[in-house]
Amino acid sequence: MIFEIQAIRFRSSDQSPEVLDRLTYDVPDLEAAKRKAKNLVMTVSWRSEADGFRILSHDGFVLDMWRVGEDNAD
């Protein structure tokens, strides 16, 4: 399955997510996409100003969102 992982920052004015970068991966399932996204944090591929990530399906639906420091990206 193809997933898009977006590095996002939350605007201080309204906490709306702003996309900083996007990467596309072909992985077996959502759990594999979550692992891939978590492994990107603080690597060369990760934007240092990013607050978290968002995972989208190939047709643009948000499947998961995670902020650095939160424990909800299983």
C-alpha atoms as a PDB file:
ATOM      1  CA  MET A   1       0.000   0.000   0.000  1.00  0.00           C
ATOM      2  CA  ILE A   2       1.173   3.502  -0.699  1.00  0.00           C
ATOM      3  CA  PHE A   3       1.115   6.018   2.159  1.00  0.00           C
ATOM      4  CA  GLU A   4       2.148   9.658   2.342  1.00  0.00           C
ATOM      5  CA  ILE A   5       3.958  10.733   5.494  1.00  0.00           C
ATOM      6  CA  GLN A   6       3.835  14.470   6.094  1.00  0.00           C
ATOM      7  CA  ALA A   7       6.121  16.350   8.459  1.00  0.00           C
ATOM      8  CA  ILE A   8       3.861  18.961  10.047  1.00  0.00           C
ATOM      9  CA  ARG A   9       4.128  21.976  12.308  1.00  0.00           C
ATOM     10  CA  PHE A  10       1.200  23.326  14.337  1.00  0.00           C
ATOM     11  CA  ARG A  11       0.703  27.059  13.934  1.00  0.00           C
ATOM     12  CA  SER A  12       0.868  28.886  17.239  1.00  0.00           C
ATOM     13  CA  SER A  13      -2.056  31.143  16.353  1.00  0.00           C
ATOM     14  CA  ASP A  14      -4.679  28.427  15.864  1.00  0.00           C
ATOM     15  CA  GLN A  15      -2.896  25.057  16.224  1.00  0.00           C
ATOM     16  CA  SER A  16      -3.769  24.148  12.624  1.00  0.00           C
ATOM     17  CA  PRO A  17      -1.317  21.710  11.022  1.00  0.00           C
ATOM     18  CA  GLU A  18       0.970  23.108   8.328  1.00  0.00           C
ATOM     19  CA  VAL A  19       2.743  20.663   5.979  1.00  0.00           C
ATOM     20  CA  LEU A  20       6.508  21.181   5.872  1.00  0.00           C
ATOM     21  CA  ASP A  21       7.503  18.146   3.831  1.00  0.00           C
ATOM     22  CA  ARG A  22       5.989  14.972   2.408  1.00  0.00           C
ATOM     23  CA  LEU A  23       7.435  11.566   1.690  1.00  0.00           C
ATOM     24  CA  THR A  24       5.746   8.638  -0.040  1.00  0.00           C
ATOM     25  CA  TYR A  25       6.340   5.033   0.983  1.00  0.00           C
ATOM     26  CA  ASP A  26       5.103   1.695  -0.285  1.00  0.00           C
ATOM     27  CA  VAL A  27       4.706  -0.463   2.833  1.00  0.00           C
ATOM     28  CA  PRO A  28       2.428  -3.423   3.671  1.00  0.00           C
ATOM     29  CA  ASP A  29      -0.007  -1.652   6.027  1.00  0.00           C
ATOM     30  CA  LEU A  30      -0.711   1.318   8.299  1.00  0.00           C
ATOM     31  CA  GLU A  31       1.303  -0.159  11.174  1.00  0.00           C
ATOM     32  CA  ALA A  32       4.374  -0.350   8.926  1.00  0.00           C
ATOM     33  CA  ALA A  33       3.775   3.262   7.847  1.00  0.00           C
ATOM     34  CA  LYS A  34       3.627   4.332  11.522  1.00  0.00           C
ATOM     35  CA  ARG A  35       6.918   2.568  12.230  1.00  0.00           C
ATOM     36  CA  LYS A  36       8.488   4.235   9.195  1.00  0.00           C
ATOM     37  CA  ALA A  37       7.269   7.674  10.301  1.00  0.00           C
ATOM     38  CA  LYS A  38       8.529   7.203  13.874  1.00  0.00           C
ATOM     39  CA  ASN A  39      11.916   6.086  12.522  1.00  0.00           C
ATOM     40  CA  LEU A  40      12.173   9.313  10.512  1.00  0.00           C
ATOM     41  CA  VAL A  41      11.993  11.549  13.593  1.00  0.00           C
ATOM     42  CA  MET A  42      15.273  13.386  14.095  1.00  0.00           C
ATOM     43  CA  THR A  43      16.969  11.852  11.035  1.00  0.00           C
ATOM     44  CA  VAL A  44      18.314  13.706   8.010  1.00  0.00           C
ATOM     45  CA  SER A  45      14.935  13.178   6.294  1.00  0.00           C
ATOM     46  CA  TRP A  46      13.083  14.877   9.172  1.00  0.00           C
ATOM     47  CA  ARG A  47      12.555  18.641   9.182  1.00  0.00           C
ATOM     48  CA  SER A  48      13.880  19.972  12.486  1.00  0.00           C
ATOM     49  CA  GLU A  49      11.030  22.474  12.854  1.00  0.00           C
ATOM     50  CA  ALA A  50       8.395  19.727  12.527  1.00  0.00           C
ATOM     51  CA  ASP A  51       6.114  19.129  15.510  1.00  0.00           C
ATOM     52  CA  GLY A  52       4.876  15.754  14.344  1.00  0.00           C
ATOM     53  CA  PHE A  53       3.667  13.757  11.401  1.00  0.00           C
ATOM     54  CA  ARG A  54       0.492  12.850   9.605  1.00  0.00           C
ATOM     55  CA  ILE A  55      -0.076   9.665   7.582  1.00  0.00           C
ATOM     56  CA  LEU A  56      -2.423   9.789   4.599  1.00  0.00           C
ATOM     57  CA  SER A  57      -3.792   7.034   2.397  1.00  0.00           C
ATOM     58  CA  HIS A  58      -3.015   7.086  -1.325  1.00  0.00           C
ATOM     59  CA  ASP A  59      -6.347   8.851  -1.903  1.00  0.00           C
ATOM     60  CA  GLY A  60      -5.677  11.629   0.635  1.00  0.00           C
ATOM     61  CA  PHE A  61      -7.529  10.491   3.769  1.00  0.00           C
ATOM     62  CA  VAL A  62      -5.786  11.216   7.083  1.00  0.00           C
ATOM     63  CA  LEU A  63      -5.242   7.884   8.820  1.00  0.00           C
ATOM     64  CA  ASP A  64      -3.103   8.958  11.768  1.00  0.00           C
ATOM     65  CA  MET A  65      -1.513  12.060  13.272  1.00  0.00           C
ATOM     66  CA  TRP A  66       1.168  12.238  15.941  1.00  0.00           C
ATOM     67  CA  ARG A  67       3.002  15.017  17.794  1.00  0.00           C
ATOM     68  CA  VAL A  68       6.567  14.603  19.000  1.00  0.00           C
ATOM     69  CA  GLY A  69       6.405  13.851  22.711  1.00  0.00           C
ATOM     70  CA  GLU A  70       2.965  12.218  22.553  1.00  0.00           C
ATOM     71  CA  ASP A  71       2.649   8.512  23.056  1.00  0.00           C
ATOM     72  CA  ASN A  72      -0.185   7.883  20.595  1.00  0.00           C
ATOM     73  CA  ALA A  73       1.801   6.637  17.574  1.00  0.00           C
ATOM     74  CA  ASP A  74       1.719   2.951  18.396  1.00  0.00           C
END
